[in-house]
Amino acid sequence: MDDAPHSTRRGFLLGRINGKAGEEQPPVAVIQQSCFALRGVACMSCRDACPTGAVRFELALGGARPKIQTDSCTGCGDCSRACPADAIRLSEPEEVA
């Protein structure tokens, strides 16, 4: 299987086999400081709502911390709608990097 070096999982999910420079990219989820999990409250609503598994939780002192896998995030907004703290916004990919 000869995949182009710029192929990404995200590009594939969005119907773009090759993520070429200059292509318009959809927004990605960004977790803000008002997130319950970042404040020590056990909440994984965003992870449960994400259809692509882009929201992961990493173990950290004080509890699990959410992290967005930007290459898997399709910008669908399901995580944002599921968040009880309204702590997830969609942002342009350049702003996330």
C-alpha atoms as a PDB file:
ATOM      1  CA  MET A   1       0.000   0.000   0.000  1.00  0.00           C
ATOM      2  CA  ASP A   2       1.658   3.216  -1.193  1.00  0.00           C
ATOM      3  CA  ASP A   3       0.251   6.026   0.970  1.00  0.00           C
ATOM      4  CA  ALA A   4       1.335   9.585   0.325  1.00  0.00           C
ATOM      5  CA  PRO A   5       3.460  11.016   3.143  1.00  0.00           C
ATOM      6  CA  HIS A   6       0.905  13.770   3.793  1.00  0.00           C
ATOM      7  CA  SER A   7      -2.012  11.375   4.279  1.00  0.00           C
ATOM      8  CA  THR A   8      -3.649  11.714   7.656  1.00  0.00           C
ATOM      9  CA  ARG A   9      -6.385   9.854   9.416  1.00  0.00           C
ATOM     10  CA  ARG A  10      -8.286  13.098   9.737  1.00  0.00           C
ATOM     11  CA  GLY A  11      -7.989  13.775   6.004  1.00  0.00           C
ATOM     12  CA  PHE A  12      -9.246  10.302   5.255  1.00  0.00           C
ATOM     13  CA  LEU A  13     -12.242  10.703   7.577  1.00  0.00           C
ATOM     14  CA  LEU A  14     -13.080  14.001   5.899  1.00  0.00           C
ATOM     15  CA  GLY A  15     -12.849  12.552   2.433  1.00  0.00           C
ATOM     16  CA  ARG A  16      -9.434  14.008   1.605  1.00  0.00           C
ATOM     17  CA  ILE A  17      -6.984  11.207   1.061  1.00  0.00           C
ATOM     18  CA  ASN A  18      -4.006  13.567   0.871  1.00  0.00           C
ATOM     19  CA  GLY A  19      -3.902  16.447   3.360  1.00  0.00           C
ATOM     20  CA  LYS A  20      -2.257  18.916   0.961  1.00  0.00           C
ATOM     21  CA  ALA A  21      -1.030  22.292   2.082  1.00  0.00           C
ATOM     22  CA  GLY A  22      -3.404  25.095   1.221  1.00  0.00           C
ATOM     23  CA  GLU A  23      -6.557  22.991   1.651  1.00  0.00           C
ATOM     24  CA  GLU A  24      -9.151  24.440   3.940  1.00  0.00           C
ATOM     25  CA  GLN A  25      -9.158  22.467   7.185  1.00  0.00           C
ATOM     26  CA  PRO A  26     -12.235  22.110   9.403  1.00  0.00           C
ATOM     27  CA  PRO A  27     -12.095  23.408  12.969  1.00  0.00           C
ATOM     28  CA  VAL A  28     -10.806  21.211  15.792  1.00  0.00           C
ATOM     29  CA  ALA A  29     -11.934  20.974  19.413  1.00  0.00           C
ATOM     30  CA  VAL A  30     -10.050  22.903  22.105  1.00  0.00           C
ATOM     31  CA  ILE A  31     -10.565  22.254  25.815  1.00  0.00           C
ATOM     32  CA  GLN A  32     -10.699  25.349  28.025  1.00  0.00           C
ATOM     33  CA  GLN A  33      -9.753  25.710  31.691  1.00  0.00           C
ATOM     34  CA  SER A  34     -13.402  25.557  32.819  1.00  0.00           C
ATOM     35  CA  CYS A  35     -13.363  21.799  32.041  1.00  0.00           C
ATOM     36  CA  PHE A  36     -14.589  19.783  35.020  1.00  0.00           C
ATOM     37  CA  ALA A  37     -11.862  17.142  34.560  1.00  0.00           C
ATOM     38  CA  LEU A  38      -9.177  19.833  34.703  1.00  0.00           C
ATOM     39  CA  ARG A  39     -10.689  20.932  38.025  1.00  0.00           C
ATOM     40  CA  GLY A  40     -10.549  17.441  39.523  1.00  0.00           C
ATOM     41  CA  VAL A  41     -14.154  16.388  38.842  1.00  0.00           C
ATOM     42  CA  ALA A  42     -14.598  12.963  37.234  1.00  0.00           C
ATOM     43  CA  CYS A  43     -16.226  13.783  33.911  1.00  0.00           C
ATOM     44  CA  MET A  44     -15.640  12.166  30.530  1.00  0.00           C
ATOM     45  CA  SER A  45     -18.751  13.313  28.669  1.00  0.00           C
ATOM     46  CA  CYS A  46     -16.692  14.647  25.767  1.00  0.00           C
ATOM     47  CA  ARG A  47     -14.839  11.369  25.341  1.00  0.00           C
ATOM     48  CA  ASP A  48     -18.070   9.400  25.371  1.00  0.00           C
ATOM     49  CA  ALA A  49     -19.648  11.693  22.759  1.00  0.00           C
ATOM     50  CA  CYS A  50     -16.720  11.741  20.312  1.00  0.00           C
ATOM     51  CA  PRO A  51     -17.486   9.518  17.299  1.00  0.00           C
ATOM     52  CA  THR A  52     -13.831   9.306  16.179  1.00  0.00           C
ATOM     53  CA  GLY A  53     -12.171   8.785  19.574  1.00  0.00           C
ATOM     54  CA  ALA A  54     -10.270  12.066  19.255  1.00  0.00           C
ATOM     55  CA  VAL A  55     -10.827  12.922  22.918  1.00  0.00           C
ATOM     56  CA  ARG A  56      -8.459  10.945  25.115  1.00  0.00           C
ATOM     57  CA  PHE A  57      -7.765  11.114  28.815  1.00  0.00           C
ATOM     58  CA  GLU A  58      -4.234  10.870  30.177  1.00  0.00           C
ATOM     59  CA  LEU A  59      -3.479   9.961  33.771  1.00  0.00           C
ATOM     60  CA  ALA A  60      -2.088  12.826  35.804  1.00  0.00           C
ATOM     61  CA  LEU A  61      -1.685  13.779  39.433  1.00  0.00           C
ATOM     62  CA  GLY A  62      -5.162  14.663  40.683  1.00  0.00           C
ATOM     63  CA  GLY A  63      -7.043  12.680  38.033  1.00  0.00           C
ATOM     64  CA  ALA A  64      -7.343  12.102  34.323  1.00  0.00           C
ATOM     65  CA  ARG A  65      -6.761  15.063  32.002  1.00  0.00           C
ATOM     66  CA  PRO A  66      -8.463  15.436  28.619  1.00  0.00           C
ATOM     67  CA  LYS A  67      -6.475  15.850  25.445  1.00  0.00           C
ATOM     68  CA  ILE A  68      -7.672  16.300  21.869  1.00  0.00           C
ATOM     69  CA  GLN A  69      -5.947  14.202  19.212  1.00  0.00           C
ATOM     70  CA  THR A  70      -6.084  16.883  16.522  1.00  0.00           C
ATOM     71  CA  ASP A  71      -5.260  14.466  13.709  1.00  0.00           C
ATOM     72  CA  SER A  72      -8.415  12.490  14.583  1.00  0.00           C
ATOM     73  CA  CYS A  73     -10.721  15.426  15.321  1.00  0.00           C
ATOM     74  CA  THR A  74     -13.211  16.115  12.515  1.00  0.00           C
ATOM     75  CA  GLY A  75     -14.639  19.299  14.038  1.00  0.00           C
ATOM     76  CA  CYS A  76     -18.132  17.795  14.303  1.00  0.00           C
ATOM     77  CA  GLY A  77     -18.798  19.505  17.666  1.00  0.00           C
ATOM     78  CA  ASP A  78     -20.368  16.472  19.367  1.00  0.00           C
ATOM     79  CA  CYS A  79     -17.954  16.849  22.296  1.00  0.00           C
ATOM     80  CA  SER A  80     -18.804  20.521  22.670  1.00  0.00           C
ATOM     81  CA  ARG A  81     -22.541  19.844  22.786  1.00  0.00           C
ATOM     82  CA  ALA A  82     -22.035  17.054  25.363  1.00  0.00           C
ATOM     83  CA  CYS A  83     -19.840  19.109  27.724  1.00  0.00           C
ATOM     84  CA  PRO A  84     -21.759  20.052  30.891  1.00  0.00           C
ATOM     85  CA  ALA A  85     -19.243  22.829  31.673  1.00  0.00           C
ATOM     86  CA  ASP A  86     -19.419  24.362  28.173  1.00  0.00           C
ATOM     87  CA  ALA A  87     -15.616  24.073  28.167  1.00  0.00           C
ATOM     88  CA  ILE A  88     -14.999  22.963  24.586  1.00  0.00           C
ATOM     89  CA  ARG A  89     -14.896  25.294  21.629  1.00  0.00           C
ATOM     90  CA  LEU A  90     -14.096  24.705  17.998  1.00  0.00           C
ATOM     91  CA  SER A  91     -11.057  26.529  16.702  1.00  0.00           C
ATOM     92  CA  GLU A  92      -9.139  26.826  13.445  1.00  0.00           C
ATOM     93  CA  PRO A  93      -6.260  24.296  13.274  1.00  0.00           C
ATOM     94  CA  GLU A  94      -3.611  27.064  13.048  1.00  0.00           C
ATOM     95  CA  GLU A  95      -4.781  28.452  16.426  1.00  0.00           C
ATOM     96  CA  VAL A  96      -4.340  25.049  18.112  1.00  0.00           C
ATOM     97  CA  ALA A  97      -0.760  24.392  17.031  1.00  0.00           C
END
